[in-house]
Amino acid sequence: MAGSGRRAFLTRRIDRCYLIAAGARVPEKRQVHLELARRYRKILGGISDHAPSGQAR
């Protein structure tokens, strides 16, 4: 269950970063938020849907 909460949190953060980047008028701000979104996507890709070994779901 904790993994699904983290996934939802990261998904919201990614969406927010893309929205800010889309509305940014300053190119540096756009670039920073696109990089943040990419970083969050990498973290999200590393989260497993499986329970840790030795623990039941």
N, C-alpha and C. Protein backbone atom coordinates (compact mmCIF):
# COMPACT_ATOMS: atom_id res chain seq x y z
N MET A 1 0.81 -1.20 0.00
CA MET A 1 0.00 0.00 0.00
C MET A 1 0.85 1.26 0.00
N ALA A 2 1.97 1.23 0.72
CA ALA A 2 2.80 2.43 0.80
C ALA A 2 3.35 2.79 -0.58
N GLY A 3 3.64 1.78 -1.39
CA GLY A 3 4.15 2.02 -2.73
C GLY A 3 3.15 2.77 -3.60
N SER A 4 1.87 2.46 -3.45
CA SER A 4 0.86 3.12 -4.26
C SER A 4 0.73 4.59 -3.85
N GLY A 5 0.93 4.88 -2.58
CA GLY A 5 0.90 6.27 -2.12
C GLY A 5 2.05 7.07 -2.69
N ARG A 6 3.22 6.44 -2.71
CA ARG A 6 4.39 7.11 -3.30
C ARG A 6 4.22 7.30 -4.79
N ARG A 7 3.64 6.32 -5.44
CA ARG A 7 3.42 6.43 -6.89
C ARG A 7 2.47 7.59 -7.20
N ALA A 8 1.40 7.70 -6.41
CA ALA A 8 0.44 8.78 -6.61
C ALA A 8 1.09 10.13 -6.36
N PHE A 9 1.90 10.22 -5.31
CA PHE A 9 2.60 11.47 -5.00
C PHE A 9 3.52 11.87 -6.14
N LEU A 10 4.32 10.93 -6.61
CA LEU A 10 5.26 11.23 -7.69
C LEU A 10 4.53 11.59 -8.98
N THR A 11 3.42 10.92 -9.25
CA THR A 11 2.64 11.24 -10.45
C THR A 11 2.12 12.67 -10.40
N ARG A 12 1.63 13.08 -9.23
CA ARG A 12 1.17 14.47 -9.08
C ARG A 12 2.31 15.45 -9.24
N ARG A 13 3.49 15.12 -8.68
CA ARG A 13 4.64 16.01 -8.81
C ARG A 13 5.07 16.15 -10.26
N ILE A 14 5.06 15.04 -10.99
CA ILE A 14 5.44 15.07 -12.41
C ILE A 14 4.47 15.95 -13.19
N ASP A 15 3.18 15.75 -12.96
CA ASP A 15 2.17 16.57 -13.65
C ASP A 15 2.37 18.05 -13.35
N ARG A 16 2.62 18.36 -12.08
CA ARG A 16 2.82 19.76 -11.68
C ARG A 16 4.05 20.36 -12.36
N CYS A 17 5.13 19.61 -12.41
CA CYS A 17 6.35 20.11 -13.06
C CYS A 17 6.10 20.39 -14.54
N TYR A 18 5.39 19.50 -15.22
CA TYR A 18 5.10 19.73 -16.63
C TYR A 18 4.19 20.94 -16.83
N LEU A 19 3.22 21.13 -15.94
CA LEU A 19 2.34 22.29 -16.04
C LEU A 19 3.11 23.59 -15.83
N ILE A 20 3.99 23.61 -14.85
CA ILE A 20 4.79 24.81 -14.61
C ILE A 20 5.71 25.07 -15.79
N ALA A 21 6.33 24.02 -16.32
CA ALA A 21 7.22 24.19 -17.47
C ALA A 21 6.46 24.71 -18.68
N ALA A 22 5.24 24.24 -18.88
CA ALA A 22 4.45 24.68 -20.03
C ALA A 22 4.07 26.15 -19.92
N GLY A 23 3.87 26.63 -18.71
CA GLY A 23 3.46 28.01 -18.53
C GLY A 23 4.60 28.98 -18.29
N ALA A 24 5.82 28.46 -18.19
CA ALA A 24 6.96 29.32 -17.88
C ALA A 24 7.34 30.19 -19.08
N ARG A 25 7.58 31.44 -18.79
CA ARG A 25 8.02 32.36 -19.84
C ARG A 25 9.53 32.46 -19.90
N VAL A 26 10.17 32.14 -18.78
CA VAL A 26 11.63 32.20 -18.71
C VAL A 26 12.18 30.81 -19.08
N PRO A 27 13.02 30.73 -20.10
CA PRO A 27 13.53 29.42 -20.54
C PRO A 27 14.25 28.64 -19.44
N GLU A 28 14.94 29.32 -18.55
CA GLU A 28 15.66 28.62 -17.48
C GLU A 28 14.68 27.93 -16.52
N LYS A 29 13.59 28.60 -16.22
CA LYS A 29 12.58 28.01 -15.34
C LYS A 29 11.95 26.79 -16.02
N ARG A 30 11.69 26.90 -17.31
CA ARG A 30 11.13 25.77 -18.05
C ARG A 30 12.08 24.58 -17.99
N GLN A 31 13.36 24.83 -18.21
CA GLN A 31 14.35 23.76 -18.21
C GLN A 31 14.47 23.09 -16.83
N VAL A 32 14.46 23.89 -15.79
CA VAL A 32 14.56 23.35 -14.43
C VAL A 32 13.40 22.41 -14.14
N HIS A 33 12.18 22.82 -14.51
CA HIS A 33 11.02 21.99 -14.21
C HIS A 33 10.94 20.75 -15.10
N LEU A 34 11.43 20.84 -16.31
CA LEU A 34 11.50 19.64 -17.15
C LEU A 34 12.50 18.64 -16.57
N GLU A 35 13.62 19.14 -16.07
CA GLU A 35 14.61 18.25 -15.45
C GLU A 35 14.05 17.61 -14.18
N LEU A 36 13.31 18.39 -13.39
CA LEU A 36 12.67 17.82 -12.19
C LEU A 36 11.69 16.72 -12.57
N ALA A 37 10.89 16.96 -13.60
CA ALA A 37 9.92 15.95 -14.04
C ALA A 37 10.63 14.68 -14.48
N ARG A 38 11.74 14.83 -15.19
CA ARG A 38 12.50 13.65 -15.63
C ARG A 38 13.06 12.89 -14.43
N ARG A 39 13.54 13.63 -13.43
CA ARG A 39 14.08 12.99 -12.23
C ARG A 39 12.99 12.22 -11.50
N TYR A 40 11.82 12.84 -11.35
CA TYR A 40 10.71 12.16 -10.68
C TYR A 40 10.25 10.94 -11.47
N ARG A 41 10.27 11.02 -12.80
CA ARG A 41 9.88 9.86 -13.62
C ARG A 41 10.86 8.71 -13.43
N LYS A 42 12.15 9.05 -13.29
CA LYS A 42 13.15 8.01 -13.06
C LYS A 42 12.91 7.33 -11.72
N ILE A 43 12.62 8.12 -10.70
CA ILE A 43 12.32 7.56 -9.37
C ILE A 43 11.07 6.70 -9.44
N LEU A 44 10.05 7.19 -10.14
CA LEU A 44 8.80 6.45 -10.27
C LEU A 44 9.04 5.12 -10.98
N GLY A 45 9.90 5.11 -11.96
CA GLY A 45 10.21 3.86 -12.67
C GLY A 45 10.92 2.86 -11.79
N GLY A 46 11.62 3.33 -10.76
CA GLY A 46 12.34 2.44 -9.86
C GLY A 46 11.50 1.85 -8.75
N ILE A 47 10.30 2.38 -8.57
CA ILE A 47 9.43 1.86 -7.51
C ILE A 47 8.74 0.60 -8.01
N SER A 48 8.85 -0.44 -7.24
CA SER A 48 8.27 -1.72 -7.61
C SER A 48 6.86 -1.83 -7.06
N ASP A 49 5.99 -2.53 -7.78
CA ASP A 49 4.64 -2.77 -7.31
C ASP A 49 4.59 -3.95 -6.34
N HIS A 50 5.70 -4.66 -6.23
CA HIS A 50 5.72 -5.86 -5.39
C HIS A 50 6.10 -5.50 -3.96
N ALA A 51 5.53 -6.27 -3.02
CA ALA A 51 5.87 -6.08 -1.60
C ALA A 51 7.30 -6.52 -1.38
N PRO A 52 8.01 -5.93 -0.42
CA PRO A 52 9.37 -6.37 -0.10
C PRO A 52 9.37 -7.83 0.32
N SER A 53 10.47 -8.51 0.05
CA SER A 53 10.53 -9.94 0.35
C SER A 53 10.34 -10.18 1.86
N GLY A 54 9.59 -11.21 2.17
CA GLY A 54 9.32 -11.54 3.55
C GLY A 54 8.09 -10.86 4.12
N GLN A 55 7.46 -10.00 3.36
CA GLN A 55 6.26 -9.31 3.83
C GLN A 55 5.11 -9.59 2.89
N ALA A 56 3.94 -9.77 3.45
CA ALA A 56 2.75 -10.00 2.65
C ALA A 56 2.11 -8.66 2.29
N ARG A 57 1.35 -8.66 1.25
CA ARG A 57 0.65 -7.45 0.81
C ARG A 57 -0.48 -7.13 1.68
